[in-house]
Amino acid sequence: MNIRLNPRCEQLVKEHLAQGHFDSAEEVIERALETLSDRVQRPATPNMSEFEATLDALAEGSEKLPVLPPEATRRTGIYHDHD
């Protein structure tokens, strides 16, 4: 199989070869496809501690937020100036 790369992809392959991480363009493409395959098969999901840490970070300082009046969350309060 022959594949033609666009100029941007060709440049990326050349950059990886120049950095010395790979011995050939084929090896660069092979590694990229393996990485893609791994990500598709195993989508990155945070573990429970990472998830809880994210929630804690989002909640940090929330006690300082002002309490909204009830009309601020009702449709009539939000769209009061629309007919």
PDB file of N, CA and C in Angstrom:
ATOM      1  N   MET A   1       0.853  -1.172   0.000  1.00  0.00           N
ATOM      2  CA  MET A   1       0.000   0.000   0.000  1.00  0.00           C
ATOM      3  C   MET A   1       0.898   1.234   0.000  1.00  0.00           C
ATOM      4  N   ASN A   2       0.582   2.159  -0.865  1.00  0.00           N
ATOM      5  CA  ASN A   2       1.297   3.429  -0.899  1.00  0.00           C
ATOM      6  C   ASN A   2       0.370   4.522  -0.409  1.00  0.00           C
ATOM      7  N   ILE A   3       0.902   5.405   0.399  1.00  0.00           N
ATOM      8  CA  ILE A   3       0.110   6.498   0.948  1.00  0.00           C
ATOM      9  C   ILE A   3       0.846   7.802   0.699  1.00  0.00           C
ATOM     10  N   ARG A   4       0.115   8.801   0.250  1.00  0.00           N
ATOM     11  CA  ARG A   4       0.698  10.116   0.022  1.00  0.00           C
ATOM     12  C   ARG A   4       0.311  11.015   1.194  1.00  0.00           C
ATOM     13  N   LEU A   5       1.303  11.605   1.823  1.00  0.00           N
ATOM     14  CA  LEU A   5       1.060  12.492   2.955  1.00  0.00           C
ATOM     15  C   LEU A   5       0.953  13.939   2.481  1.00  0.00           C
ATOM     16  N   ASN A   6       0.103  14.688   3.187  1.00  0.00           N
ATOM     17  CA  ASN A   6       0.047  16.118   2.878  1.00  0.00           C
ATOM     18  C   ASN A   6       1.320  16.761   3.435  1.00  0.00           C
ATOM     19  N   PRO A   7       1.628  17.980   3.013  1.00  0.00           N
ATOM     20  CA  PRO A   7       2.884  18.614   3.435  1.00  0.00           C
ATOM     21  C   PRO A   7       3.047  18.712   4.952  1.00  0.00           C
ATOM     22  N   ARG A   8       1.993  18.977   5.673  1.00  0.00           N
ATOM     23  CA  ARG A   8       2.083  19.100   7.134  1.00  0.00           C
ATOM     24  C   ARG A   8       2.477  17.767   7.767  1.00  0.00           C
ATOM     25  N   CYS A   9       1.845  16.688   7.341  1.00  0.00           N
ATOM     26  CA  CYS A   9       2.166  15.367   7.890  1.00  0.00           C
ATOM     27  C   CYS A   9       3.579  14.948   7.507  1.00  0.00           C
ATOM     28  N   GLU A  10       3.968  15.266   6.288  1.00  0.00           N
ATOM     29  CA  GLU A  10       5.320  14.944   5.849  1.00  0.00           C
ATOM     30  C   GLU A  10       6.353  15.680   6.713  1.00  0.00           C
ATOM     31  N   GLN A  11       6.064  16.924   7.042  1.00  0.00           N
ATOM     32  CA  GLN A  11       6.957  17.700   7.892  1.00  0.00           C
ATOM     33  C   GLN A  11       7.052  17.087   9.298  1.00  0.00           C
ATOM     34  N   LEU A  12       5.915  16.636   9.826  1.00  0.00           N
ATOM     35  CA  LEU A  12       5.925  15.992  11.140  1.00  0.00           C
ATOM     36  C   LEU A  12       6.786  14.730  11.145  1.00  0.00           C
ATOM     37  N   VAL A  13       6.677  13.941  10.103  1.00  0.00           N
ATOM     38  CA  VAL A  13       7.490  12.724   9.996  1.00  0.00           C
ATOM     39  C   VAL A  13       8.968  13.103   9.958  1.00  0.00           C
ATOM     40  N   LYS A  14       9.306  14.112   9.164  1.00  0.00           N
ATOM     41  CA  LYS A  14      10.706  14.542   9.064  1.00  0.00           C
ATOM     42  C   LYS A  14      11.230  15.044  10.407  1.00  0.00           C
ATOM     43  N   GLU A  15      10.397  15.768  11.149  1.00  0.00           N
ATOM     44  CA  GLU A  15      10.805  16.275  12.451  1.00  0.00           C
ATOM     45  C   GLU A  15      11.102  15.127  13.424  1.00  0.00           C
ATOM     46  N   HIS A  16      10.247  14.112  13.420  1.00  0.00           N
ATOM     47  CA  HIS A  16      10.475  12.967  14.311  1.00  0.00           C
ATOM     48  C   HIS A  16      11.735  12.203  13.917  1.00  0.00           C
ATOM     49  N   LEU A  17      11.973  12.085  12.635  1.00  0.00           N
ATOM     50  CA  LEU A  17      13.194  11.422  12.180  1.00  0.00           C
ATOM     51  C   LEU A  17      14.430  12.227  12.583  1.00  0.00           C
ATOM     52  N   ALA A  18      14.353  13.546  12.452  1.00  0.00           N
ATOM     53  CA  ALA A  18      15.481  14.411  12.796  1.00  0.00           C
ATOM     54  C   ALA A  18      15.794  14.355  14.291  1.00  0.00           C
ATOM     55  N   GLN A  19      14.770  14.152  15.118  1.00  0.00           N
ATOM     56  CA  GLN A  19      14.978  14.067  16.565  1.00  0.00           C
ATOM     57  C   GLN A  19      15.609  12.738  16.975  1.00  0.00           C
ATOM     58  N   GLY A  20      15.654  11.801  16.050  1.00  0.00           N
ATOM     59  CA  GLY A  20      16.309  10.536  16.320  1.00  0.00           C
ATOM     60  C   GLY A  20      15.473   9.517  17.063  1.00  0.00           C
ATOM     61  N   HIS A  21      14.168   9.769  17.171  1.00  0.00           N
ATOM     62  CA  HIS A  21      13.314   8.819  17.878  1.00  0.00           C
ATOM     63  C   HIS A  21      12.978   7.586  17.044  1.00  0.00           C
ATOM     64  N   PHE A  22      13.097   7.709  15.742  1.00  0.00           N
ATOM     65  CA  PHE A  22      12.719   6.626  14.836  1.00  0.00           C
ATOM     66  C   PHE A  22      13.792   6.456  13.765  1.00  0.00           C
ATOM     67  N   ASP A  23      13.827   5.261  13.187  1.00  0.00           N
ATOM     68  CA  ASP A  23      14.824   4.956  12.162  1.00  0.00           C
ATOM     69  C   ASP A  23      14.308   5.153  10.743  1.00  0.00           C
ATOM     70  N   SER A  24      12.984   5.182  10.579  1.00  0.00           N
ATOM     71  CA  SER A  24      12.435   5.321   9.231  1.00  0.00           C
ATOM     72  C   SER A  24      11.057   5.978   9.287  1.00  0.00           C
ATOM     73  N   ALA A  25      10.638   6.491   8.139  1.00  0.00           N
ATOM     74  CA  ALA A  25       9.306   7.096   8.047  1.00  0.00           C
ATOM     75  C   ALA A  25       8.238   6.046   8.334  1.00  0.00           C
ATOM     76  N   GLU A  26       8.472   4.818   7.883  1.00  0.00           N
ATOM     77  CA  GLU A  26       7.522   3.747   8.124  1.00  0.00           C
ATOM     78  C   GLU A  26       7.326   3.506   9.620  1.00  0.00           C
ATOM     79  N   GLU A  27       8.428   3.594  10.376  1.00  0.00           N
ATOM     80  CA  GLU A  27       8.343   3.389  11.815  1.00  0.00           C
ATOM     81  C   GLU A  27       7.536   4.506  12.488  1.00  0.00           C
ATOM     82  N   VAL A  28       7.696   5.743  12.014  1.00  0.00           N
ATOM     83  CA  VAL A  28       6.929   6.865  12.553  1.00  0.00           C
ATOM     84  C   VAL A  28       5.438   6.635  12.326  1.00  0.00           C
ATOM     85  N   ILE A  29       5.082   6.277  11.104  1.00  0.00           N
ATOM     86  CA  ILE A  29       3.674   6.054  10.759  1.00  0.00           C
ATOM     87  C   ILE A  29       3.122   4.859  11.530  1.00  0.00           C
ATOM     88  N   GLU A  30       3.916   3.796  11.641  1.00  0.00           N
ATOM     89  CA  GLU A  30       3.477   2.607  12.372  1.00  0.00           C
ATOM     90  C   GLU A  30       3.177   2.944  13.830  1.00  0.00           C
ATOM     91  N   ARG A  31       4.067   3.687  14.473  1.00  0.00           N
ATOM     92  CA  ARG A  31       3.854   4.071  15.873  1.00  0.00           C
ATOM     93  C   ARG A  31       2.627   4.968  16.009  1.00  0.00           C
ATOM     94  N   ALA A  32       2.436   5.882  15.068  1.00  0.00           N
ATOM     95  CA  ALA A  32       1.267   6.765  15.117  1.00  0.00           C
ATOM     96  C   ALA A  32      -0.024   5.964  15.006  1.00  0.00           C
ATOM     97  N   LEU A  33      -0.045   4.991  14.121  1.00  0.00           N
ATOM     98  CA  LEU A  33      -1.239   4.158  13.961  1.00  0.00           C
ATOM     99  C   LEU A  33      -1.480   3.280  15.184  1.00  0.00           C
ATOM    100  N   GLU A  34      -0.422   2.760  15.785  1.00  0.00           N
ATOM    101  CA  GLU A  34      -0.579   1.968  17.008  1.00  0.00           C
ATOM    102  C   GLU A  34      -1.154   2.823  18.135  1.00  0.00           C
ATOM    103  N   THR A  35      -0.656   4.044  18.250  1.00  0.00           N
ATOM    104  CA  THR A  35      -1.150   4.953  19.282  1.00  0.00           C
ATOM    105  C   THR A  35      -2.618   5.277  19.050  1.00  0.00           C
ATOM    106  N   LEU A  36      -2.966   5.545  17.817  1.00  0.00           N
ATOM    107  CA  LEU A  36      -4.361   5.821  17.482  1.00  0.00           C
ATOM    108  C   LEU A  36      -5.243   4.624  17.801  1.00  0.00           C
ATOM    109  N   SER A  37      -4.788   3.444  17.462  1.00  0.00           N
ATOM    110  CA  SER A  37      -5.554   2.227  17.722  1.00  0.00           C
ATOM    111  C   SER A  37      -5.761   2.028  19.217  1.00  0.00           C
ATOM    112  N   ASP A  38      -4.710   2.264  20.002  1.00  0.00           N
ATOM    113  CA  ASP A  38      -4.824   2.131  21.462  1.00  0.00           C
ATOM    114  C   ASP A  38      -5.842   3.111  22.025  1.00  0.00           C
ATOM    115  N   ARG A  39      -5.837   4.331  21.538  1.00  0.00           N
ATOM    116  CA  ARG A  39      -6.758   5.353  22.048  1.00  0.00           C
ATOM    117  C   ARG A  39      -8.199   5.059  21.667  1.00  0.00           C
ATOM    118  N   VAL A  40      -8.402   4.523  20.501  1.00  0.00           N
ATOM    119  CA  VAL A  40      -9.757   4.187  20.055  1.00  0.00           C
ATOM    120  C   VAL A  40     -10.291   3.007  20.857  1.00  0.00           C
ATOM    121  N   GLN A  41      -9.434   2.020  21.107  1.00  0.00           N
ATOM    122  CA  GLN A  41      -9.852   0.836  21.849  1.00  0.00           C
ATOM    123  C   GLN A  41     -10.026   1.123  23.335  1.00  0.00           C
ATOM    124  N   ARG A  42      -9.187   1.980  23.887  1.00  0.00           N
ATOM    125  CA  ARG A  42      -9.235   2.306  25.305  1.00  0.00           C
ATOM    126  C   ARG A  42      -9.282   3.819  25.466  1.00  0.00           C
ATOM    127  N   PRO A  43     -10.476   4.410  25.363  1.00  0.00           N
ATOM    128  CA  PRO A  43     -10.533   5.855  25.543  1.00  0.00           C
ATOM    129  C   PRO A  43     -10.061   6.227  26.952  1.00  0.00           C
ATOM    130  N   ALA A  44      -9.360   7.328  27.026  1.00  0.00           N
ATOM    131  CA  ALA A  44      -8.827   7.781  28.315  1.00  0.00           C
ATOM    132  C   ALA A  44      -9.978   8.161  29.242  1.00  0.00           C
ATOM    133  N   THR A  45     -10.031   7.493  30.379  1.00  0.00           N
ATOM    134  CA  THR A  45     -11.041   7.810  31.379  1.00  0.00           C
ATOM    135  C   THR A  45     -10.334   8.042  32.700  1.00  0.00           C
ATOM    136  N   PRO A  46     -10.707   9.096  33.382  1.00  0.00           N
ATOM    137  CA  PRO A  46     -10.055   9.351  34.663  1.00  0.00           C
ATOM    138  C   PRO A  46     -10.477   8.310  35.697  1.00  0.00           C
ATOM    139  N   ASN A  47      -9.577   8.002  36.605  1.00  0.00           N
ATOM    140  CA  ASN A  47      -9.966   7.097  37.682  1.00  0.00           C
ATOM    141  C   ASN A  47     -10.781   7.897  38.694  1.00  0.00           C
ATOM    142  N   MET A  48     -11.328   7.227  39.678  1.00  0.00           N
ATOM    143  CA  MET A  48     -12.233   7.874  40.624  1.00  0.00           C
ATOM    144  C   MET A  48     -11.546   8.993  41.400  1.00  0.00           C
ATOM    145  N   SER A  49     -10.305   8.809  41.791  1.00  0.00           N
ATOM    146  CA  SER A  49      -9.620   9.859  42.556  1.00  0.00           C
ATOM    147  C   SER A  49      -9.376  11.092  41.694  1.00  0.00           C
ATOM    148  N   GLU A  50      -9.050  10.905  40.409  1.00  0.00           N
ATOM    149  CA  GLU A  50      -8.889  12.047  39.499  1.00  0.00           C
ATOM    150  C   GLU A  50     -10.215  12.769  39.299  1.00  0.00           C
ATOM    151  N   PHE A  51     -11.277  12.001  39.166  1.00  0.00           N
ATOM    152  CA  PHE A  51     -12.607  12.579  38.998  1.00  0.00           C
ATOM    153  C   PHE A  51     -13.007  13.392  40.222  1.00  0.00           C
ATOM    154  N   GLU A  52     -12.792  12.820  41.402  1.00  0.00           N
ATOM    155  CA  GLU A  52     -13.130  13.523  42.641  1.00  0.00           C
ATOM    156  C   GLU A  52     -12.277  14.779  42.823  1.00  0.00           C
ATOM    157  N   ALA A  53     -11.012  14.716  42.435  1.00  0.00           N
ATOM    158  CA  ALA A  53     -10.141  15.885  42.528  1.00  0.00           C
ATOM    159  C   ALA A  53     -10.626  16.996  41.599  1.00  0.00           C
ATOM    160  N   THR A  54     -11.099  16.628  40.428  1.00  0.00           N
ATOM    161  CA  THR A  54     -11.647  17.613  39.495  1.00  0.00           C
ATOM    162  C   THR A  54     -12.899  18.253  40.067  1.00  0.00           C
ATOM    163  N   LEU A  55     -13.779  17.451  40.644  1.00  0.00           N
ATOM    164  CA  LEU A  55     -14.985  17.993  41.264  1.00  0.00           C
ATOM    165  C   LEU A  55     -14.642  18.925  42.425  1.00  0.00           C
ATOM    166  N   ASP A  56     -13.663  18.533  43.234  1.00  0.00           N
ATOM    167  CA  ASP A  56     -13.240  19.384  44.351  1.00  0.00           C
ATOM    168  C   ASP A  56     -12.703  20.720  43.848  1.00  0.00           C
ATOM    169  N   ALA A  57     -11.923  20.686  42.775  1.00  0.00           N
ATOM    170  CA  ALA A  57     -11.373  21.919  42.218  1.00  0.00           C
ATOM    171  C   ALA A  57     -12.485  22.821  41.683  1.00  0.00           C
ATOM    172  N   LEU A  58     -13.486  22.214  41.060  1.00  0.00           N
ATOM    173  CA  LEU A  58     -14.616  22.995  40.557  1.00  0.00           C
ATOM    174  C   LEU A  58     -15.429  23.602  41.688  1.00  0.00           C
ATOM    175  N   ALA A  59     -15.561  22.887  42.778  1.00  0.00           N
ATOM    176  CA  ALA A  59     -16.378  23.347  43.902  1.00  0.00           C
ATOM    177  C   ALA A  59     -15.648  24.353  44.786  1.00  0.00           C
ATOM    178  N   GLU A  60     -14.320  24.392  44.669  1.00  0.00           N
ATOM    179  CA  GLU A  60     -13.541  25.276  45.532  1.00  0.00           C
ATOM    180  C   GLU A  60     -13.980  26.731  45.362  1.00  0.00           C
ATOM    181  N   GLY A  61     -14.345  27.345  46.449  1.00  0.00           N
ATOM    182  CA  GLY A  61     -14.775  28.741  46.416  1.00  0.00           C
ATOM    183  C   GLY A  61     -16.245  28.932  46.108  1.00  0.00           C
ATOM    184  N   SER A  62     -16.965  27.848  45.883  1.00  0.00           N
ATOM    185  CA  SER A  62     -18.378  27.978  45.516  1.00  0.00           C
ATOM    186  C   SER A  62     -19.225  28.547  46.642  1.00  0.00           C
ATOM    187  N   GLU A  63     -18.744  28.408  47.874  1.00  0.00           N
ATOM    188  CA  GLU A  63     -19.509  28.947  48.995  1.00  0.00           C
ATOM    189  C   GLU A  63     -19.536  30.481  48.966  1.00  0.00           C
ATOM    190  N   LYS A  64     -18.649  31.087  48.176  1.00  0.00           N
ATOM    191  CA  LYS A  64     -18.596  32.544  48.067  1.00  0.00           C
ATOM    192  C   LYS A  64     -19.508  33.089  46.957  1.00  0.00           C
ATOM    193  N   LEU A  65     -20.083  32.199  46.165  1.00  0.00           N
ATOM    194  CA  LEU A  65     -20.963  32.643  45.080  1.00  0.00           C
ATOM    195  C   LEU A  65     -22.269  33.196  45.649  1.00  0.00           C
ATOM    196  N   PRO A  66     -22.802  34.244  45.051  1.00  0.00           N
ATOM    197  CA  PRO A  66     -24.057  34.788  45.551  1.00  0.00           C
ATOM    198  C   PRO A  66     -25.221  33.846  45.265  1.00  0.00           C
ATOM    199  N   VAL A  67     -26.205  33.889  46.139  1.00  0.00           N
ATOM    200  CA  VAL A  67     -27.410  33.086  45.947  1.00  0.00           C
ATOM    201  C   VAL A  67     -28.338  33.872  45.023  1.00  0.00           C
ATOM    202  N   LEU A  68     -28.777  33.225  43.970  1.00  0.00           N
ATOM    203  CA  LEU A  68     -29.665  33.883  43.013  1.00  0.00           C
ATOM    204  C   LEU A  68     -31.106  33.847  43.505  1.00  0.00           C
ATOM    205  N   PRO A  69     -31.862  34.904  43.232  1.00  0.00           N
ATOM    206  CA  PRO A  69     -33.275  34.881  43.597  1.00  0.00           C
ATOM    207  C   PRO A  69     -34.009  33.874  42.715  1.00  0.00           C
ATOM    208  N   PRO A  70     -35.119  33.335  43.164  1.00  0.00           N
ATOM    209  CA  PRO A  70     -35.850  32.316  42.401  1.00  0.00           C
ATOM    210  C   PRO A  70     -36.225  32.762  40.986  1.00  0.00           C
ATOM    211  N   GLU A  71     -36.550  34.040  40.800  1.00  0.00           N
ATOM    212  CA  GLU A  71     -36.949  34.492  39.464  1.00  0.00           C
ATOM    213  C   GLU A  71     -35.792  34.442  38.454  1.00  0.00           C
ATOM    214  N   ALA A  72     -34.566  34.361  38.941  1.00  0.00           N
ATOM    215  CA  ALA A  72     -33.415  34.298  38.041  1.00  0.00           C
ATOM    216  C   ALA A  72     -33.314  32.954  37.333  1.00  0.00           C
ATOM    217  N   THR A  73     -33.972  31.954  37.861  1.00  0.00           N
ATOM    218  CA  THR A  73     -33.904  30.628  37.251  1.00  0.00           C
ATOM    219  C   THR A  73     -35.213  30.188  36.613  1.00  0.00           C
ATOM    220  N   ARG A  74     -36.195  31.061  36.625  1.00  0.00           N
ATOM    221  CA  ARG A  74     -37.464  30.739  35.969  1.00  0.00           C
ATOM    222  C   ARG A  74     -37.479  31.315  34.569  1.00  0.00           C
ATOM    223  N   ARG A  75     -38.172  30.664  33.702  1.00  0.00           N
ATOM    224  CA  ARG A  75     -38.266  31.115  32.310  1.00  0.00           C
ATOM    225  C   ARG A  75     -38.761  32.554  32.223  1.00  0.00           C
ATOM    226  N   THR A  76     -39.769  32.892  33.006  1.00  0.00           N
ATOM    227  CA  THR A  76     -40.313  34.256  32.948  1.00  0.00           C
ATOM    228  C   THR A  76     -39.277  35.274  33.441  1.00  0.00           C
ATOM    229  N   GLY A  77     -38.437  34.884  34.386  1.00  0.00           N
ATOM    230  CA  GLY A  77     -37.406  35.781  34.872  1.00  0.00           C
ATOM    231  C   GLY A  77     -36.274  35.962  33.872  1.00  0.00           C
ATOM    232  N   ILE A  78     -35.959  34.897  33.147  1.00  0.00           N
ATOM    233  CA  ILE A  78     -34.873  34.958  32.171  1.00  0.00           C
ATOM    234  C   ILE A  78     -35.308  35.722  30.927  1.00  0.00           C
ATOM    235  N   TYR A  79     -36.530  35.463  30.464  1.00  0.00           N
ATOM    236  CA  TYR A  79     -37.000  36.061  29.215  1.00  0.00           C
ATOM    237  C   TYR A  79     -38.022  37.164  29.457  1.00  0.00           C
ATOM    238  N   HIS A  80     -37.904  37.878  30.544  1.00  0.00           N
ATOM    239  CA  HIS A  80     -38.899  38.893  30.894  1.00  0.00           C
ATOM    240  C   HIS A  80     -39.006  40.007  29.864  1.00  0.00           C
ATOM    241  N   ASP A  81     -37.945  40.279  29.112  1.00  0.00           N
ATOM    242  CA  ASP A  81     -37.989  41.382  28.149  1.00  0.00           C
ATOM    243  C   ASP A  81     -38.252  40.900  26.725  1.00  0.00           C
ATOM    244  N   HIS A  82     -38.617  39.643  26.549  1.00  0.00           N
ATOM    245  CA  HIS A  82     -38.965  39.110  25.223  1.00  0.00           C
ATOM    246  C   HIS A  82     -40.458  38.861  25.129  1.00  0.00           C
ATOM    247  N   ASP A  83     -40.990  39.169  23.983  1.00  0.00           N
ATOM    248  CA  ASP A  83     -42.425  38.916  23.775  1.00  0.00           C
ATOM    249  C   ASP A  83     -42.651  37.657  22.992  1.00  0.00           C
TER     250      ASP A  83
END
